[in-house]
């Protein structure tokens, strides 16, 4: 049986690589079991969302934040401008969506989580 390809540990700045299904190295493997987050479908990212997301990316293929600084970058994520927090009116509102590259989406999400903690 072929061995899985090695990849970097999922922990930011961890120098180790892993072939484990969780994506964590031996040192951080316990983190895989601490992730009690609900599934994507349970968080509202169901078939209706996937269809809306695909349509939005087809119509808006570039990152709006990169465009704001004069850079052209392909969007990989569709973000809710106002977090929906389970509200279907916001979750499936095409006017509440923006296309972002992975870097901008991760940084925006991190800022939002930091604000929620304070």
C-alpha atoms as a PDB file:
ATOM      1  CA  UNK A   1       0.000   0.000   0.000  1.00  0.00           C
ATOM      2  CA  UNK A   2       1.466   3.410  -0.933  1.00  0.00           C
ATOM      3  CA  UNK A   3       2.379   5.711   1.896  1.00  0.00           C
ATOM      4  CA  UNK A   4       0.622   9.093   2.253  1.00  0.00           C
ATOM      5  CA  UNK A   5       2.539  12.136   1.116  1.00  0.00           C
ATOM      6  CA  UNK A   6       4.246  14.087   3.878  1.00  0.00           C
ATOM      7  CA  UNK A   7       2.922  17.585   4.489  1.00  0.00           C
ATOM      8  CA  UNK A   8       3.559  20.382   6.991  1.00  0.00           C
ATOM      9  CA  UNK A   9       1.904  20.179  10.396  1.00  0.00           C
ATOM     10  CA  UNK A  10      -1.367  22.169  10.616  1.00  0.00           C
ATOM     11  CA  UNK A  11       0.006  24.203  13.549  1.00  0.00           C
ATOM     12  CA  UNK A  12       1.243  27.584  12.290  1.00  0.00           C
ATOM     13  CA  UNK A  13       5.058  27.817  12.215  1.00  0.00           C
ATOM     14  CA  UNK A  14       5.564  24.203  13.325  1.00  0.00           C
ATOM     15  CA  UNK A  15       8.647  22.950  11.454  1.00  0.00           C
ATOM     16  CA  UNK A  16       7.590  19.281  11.478  1.00  0.00           C
ATOM     17  CA  UNK A  17       6.004  17.283   8.691  1.00  0.00           C
ATOM     18  CA  UNK A  18       3.449  14.507   9.036  1.00  0.00           C
ATOM     19  CA  UNK A  19       1.702  11.768   7.101  1.00  0.00           C
ATOM     20  CA  UNK A  20      -1.060  11.389   9.713  1.00  0.00           C
ATOM     21  CA  UNK A  21      -4.670  11.812   8.509  1.00  0.00           C
ATOM     22  CA  UNK A  22      -5.295  14.588  11.050  1.00  0.00           C
ATOM     23  CA  UNK A  23      -2.617  16.779   9.496  1.00  0.00           C
ATOM     24  CA  UNK A  24      -0.847  17.228  12.852  1.00  0.00           C
ATOM     25  CA  UNK A  25       2.696  16.090  13.683  1.00  0.00           C
ATOM     26  CA  UNK A  26       3.419  13.784  16.638  1.00  0.00           C
ATOM     27  CA  UNK A  27       4.006  16.764  18.934  1.00  0.00           C
ATOM     28  CA  UNK A  28       0.635  18.360  18.087  1.00  0.00           C
ATOM     29  CA  UNK A  29      -1.485  15.252  17.448  1.00  0.00           C
ATOM     30  CA  UNK A  30      -3.558  15.850  20.595  1.00  0.00           C
ATOM     31  CA  UNK A  31      -4.900  19.037  18.999  1.00  0.00           C
ATOM     32  CA  UNK A  32      -6.752  16.934  16.439  1.00  0.00           C
ATOM     33  CA  UNK A  33      -8.902  15.541  19.211  1.00  0.00           C
ATOM     34  CA  UNK A  34      -9.560  18.924  20.851  1.00  0.00           C
ATOM     35  CA  UNK A  35     -11.317  20.285  17.773  1.00  0.00           C
ATOM     36  CA  UNK A  36     -14.930  20.000  18.909  1.00  0.00           C
ATOM     37  CA  UNK A  37     -16.203  22.259  16.155  1.00  0.00           C
ATOM     38  CA  UNK A  38     -19.444  21.251  14.483  1.00  0.00           C
ATOM     39  CA  UNK A  39     -19.330  19.884  10.955  1.00  0.00           C
ATOM     40  CA  UNK A  40     -19.563  22.302   8.055  1.00  0.00           C
ATOM     41  CA  UNK A  41     -23.165  21.227   7.358  1.00  0.00           C
ATOM     42  CA  UNK A  42     -24.049  21.781  11.027  1.00  0.00           C
ATOM     43  CA  UNK A  43     -22.543  25.296  10.790  1.00  0.00           C
ATOM     44  CA  UNK A  44     -24.798  26.147   7.832  1.00  0.00           C
ATOM     45  CA  UNK A  45     -22.565  25.257   4.889  1.00  0.00           C
ATOM     46  CA  UNK A  46     -24.994  22.872   3.209  1.00  0.00           C
ATOM     47  CA  UNK A  47     -25.958  22.262  -0.432  1.00  0.00           C
ATOM     48  CA  UNK A  48     -27.734  25.626  -0.683  1.00  0.00           C
ATOM     49  CA  UNK A  49     -24.571  27.375   0.542  1.00  0.00           C
ATOM     50  CA  UNK A  50     -22.300  25.410  -1.796  1.00  0.00           C
ATOM     51  CA  UNK A  51     -24.477  26.352  -4.780  1.00  0.00           C
ATOM     52  CA  UNK A  52     -24.533  30.041  -3.773  1.00  0.00           C
ATOM     53  CA  UNK A  53     -20.770  29.977  -3.139  1.00  0.00           C
ATOM     54  CA  UNK A  54     -20.029  28.492  -6.562  1.00  0.00           C
ATOM     55  CA  UNK A  55     -22.228  31.060  -8.291  1.00  0.00           C
ATOM     56  CA  UNK A  56     -20.643  33.916  -6.333  1.00  0.00           C
ATOM     57  CA  UNK A  57     -17.082  32.821  -7.187  1.00  0.00           C
ATOM     58  CA  UNK A  58     -18.012  32.407 -10.868  1.00  0.00           C
ATOM     59  CA  UNK A  59     -19.360  35.973 -10.933  1.00  0.00           C
ATOM     60  CA  UNK A  60     -16.685  37.469  -8.618  1.00  0.00           C
ATOM     61  CA  UNK A  61     -13.467  35.503  -9.170  1.00  0.00           C
ATOM     62  CA  UNK A  62     -11.001  37.986  -7.615  1.00  0.00           C
ATOM     63  CA  UNK A  63     -10.213  38.943  -4.020  1.00  0.00           C
ATOM     64  CA  UNK A  64     -11.854  42.273  -3.155  1.00  0.00           C
ATOM     65  CA  UNK A  65      -9.252  43.114  -0.499  1.00  0.00           C
ATOM     66  CA  UNK A  66      -6.356  42.528  -2.880  1.00  0.00           C
ATOM     67  CA  UNK A  67      -8.130  44.692  -5.451  1.00  0.00           C
ATOM     68  CA  UNK A  68      -8.325  47.432  -2.830  1.00  0.00           C
ATOM     69  CA  UNK A  69      -4.515  47.585  -2.719  1.00  0.00           C
ATOM     70  CA  UNK A  70      -4.070  47.315  -6.477  1.00  0.00           C
ATOM     71  CA  UNK A  71      -3.269  43.621  -6.569  1.00  0.00           C
ATOM     72  CA  UNK A  72      -4.991  41.013  -8.755  1.00  0.00           C
ATOM     73  CA  UNK A  73      -5.420  37.741  -6.849  1.00  0.00           C
ATOM     74  CA  UNK A  74      -7.792  34.877  -7.527  1.00  0.00           C
ATOM     75  CA  UNK A  75     -10.369  34.371  -4.768  1.00  0.00           C
ATOM     76  CA  UNK A  76     -10.508  30.987  -3.073  1.00  0.00           C
ATOM     77  CA  UNK A  77     -13.082  31.773  -0.397  1.00  0.00           C
ATOM     78  CA  UNK A  78     -16.492  33.391  -0.153  1.00  0.00           C
ATOM     79  CA  UNK A  79     -16.886  35.291   3.091  1.00  0.00           C
ATOM     80  CA  UNK A  80     -19.947  36.628   4.871  1.00  0.00           C
ATOM     81  CA  UNK A  81     -19.443  40.377   5.277  1.00  0.00           C
ATOM     82  CA  UNK A  82     -21.680  40.293   8.355  1.00  0.00           C
ATOM     83  CA  UNK A  83     -21.254  36.930  10.144  1.00  0.00           C
ATOM     84  CA  UNK A  84     -24.516  34.987   9.825  1.00  0.00           C
ATOM     85  CA  UNK A  85     -24.402  33.223  13.223  1.00  0.00           C
ATOM     86  CA  UNK A  86     -27.071  30.807  12.009  1.00  0.00           C
ATOM     87  CA  UNK A  87     -29.406  33.445  10.537  1.00  0.00           C
ATOM     88  CA  UNK A  88     -30.497  32.062   7.139  1.00  0.00           C
ATOM     89  CA  UNK A  89     -31.416  35.534   5.891  1.00  0.00           C
ATOM     90  CA  UNK A  90     -27.749  36.570   6.267  1.00  0.00           C
ATOM     91  CA  UNK A  91     -26.282  33.162   5.410  1.00  0.00           C
ATOM     92  CA  UNK A  92     -27.870  32.968   1.973  1.00  0.00           C
ATOM     93  CA  UNK A  93     -28.004  36.694   1.143  1.00  0.00           C
ATOM     94  CA  UNK A  94     -25.905  37.284  -2.008  1.00  0.00           C
ATOM     95  CA  UNK A  95     -25.438  40.925  -0.936  1.00  0.00           C
ATOM     96  CA  UNK A  96     -23.714  39.721   2.263  1.00  0.00           C
ATOM     97  CA  UNK A  97     -20.923  37.919   0.398  1.00  0.00           C
ATOM     98  CA  UNK A  98     -17.452  38.912  -0.727  1.00  0.00           C
ATOM     99  CA  UNK A  99     -14.762  37.001  -2.577  1.00  0.00           C
ATOM    100  CA  UNK A 100     -11.436  36.731  -0.749  1.00  0.00           C
ATOM    101  CA  UNK A 101      -8.102  35.026  -1.281  1.00  0.00           C
ATOM    102  CA  UNK A 102      -7.129  32.502   1.365  1.00  0.00           C
ATOM    103  CA  UNK A 103      -4.735  34.914   3.099  1.00  0.00           C
ATOM    104  CA  UNK A 104      -7.307  37.685   3.473  1.00  0.00           C
ATOM    105  CA  UNK A 105     -10.039  35.261   4.549  1.00  0.00           C
ATOM    106  CA  UNK A 106      -7.858  33.749   7.269  1.00  0.00           C
ATOM    107  CA  UNK A 107      -6.753  37.151   8.545  1.00  0.00           C
ATOM    108  CA  UNK A 108     -10.326  38.510   8.610  1.00  0.00           C
ATOM    109  CA  UNK A 109     -11.567  35.399  10.428  1.00  0.00           C
ATOM    110  CA  UNK A 110      -8.742  35.660  12.973  1.00  0.00           C
ATOM    111  CA  UNK A 111      -9.589  39.333  13.642  1.00  0.00           C
ATOM    112  CA  UNK A 112     -13.279  38.489  14.105  1.00  0.00           C
ATOM    113  CA  UNK A 113     -12.465  35.672  16.537  1.00  0.00           C
ATOM    114  CA  UNK A 114     -10.119  37.938  18.486  1.00  0.00           C
ATOM    115  CA  UNK A 115     -12.856  40.561  18.817  1.00  0.00           C
ATOM    116  CA  UNK A 116     -15.337  37.926  20.028  1.00  0.00           C
ATOM    117  CA  UNK A 117     -12.954  36.949  22.822  1.00  0.00           C
ATOM    118  CA  UNK A 118     -12.791  40.485  24.233  1.00  0.00           C
END
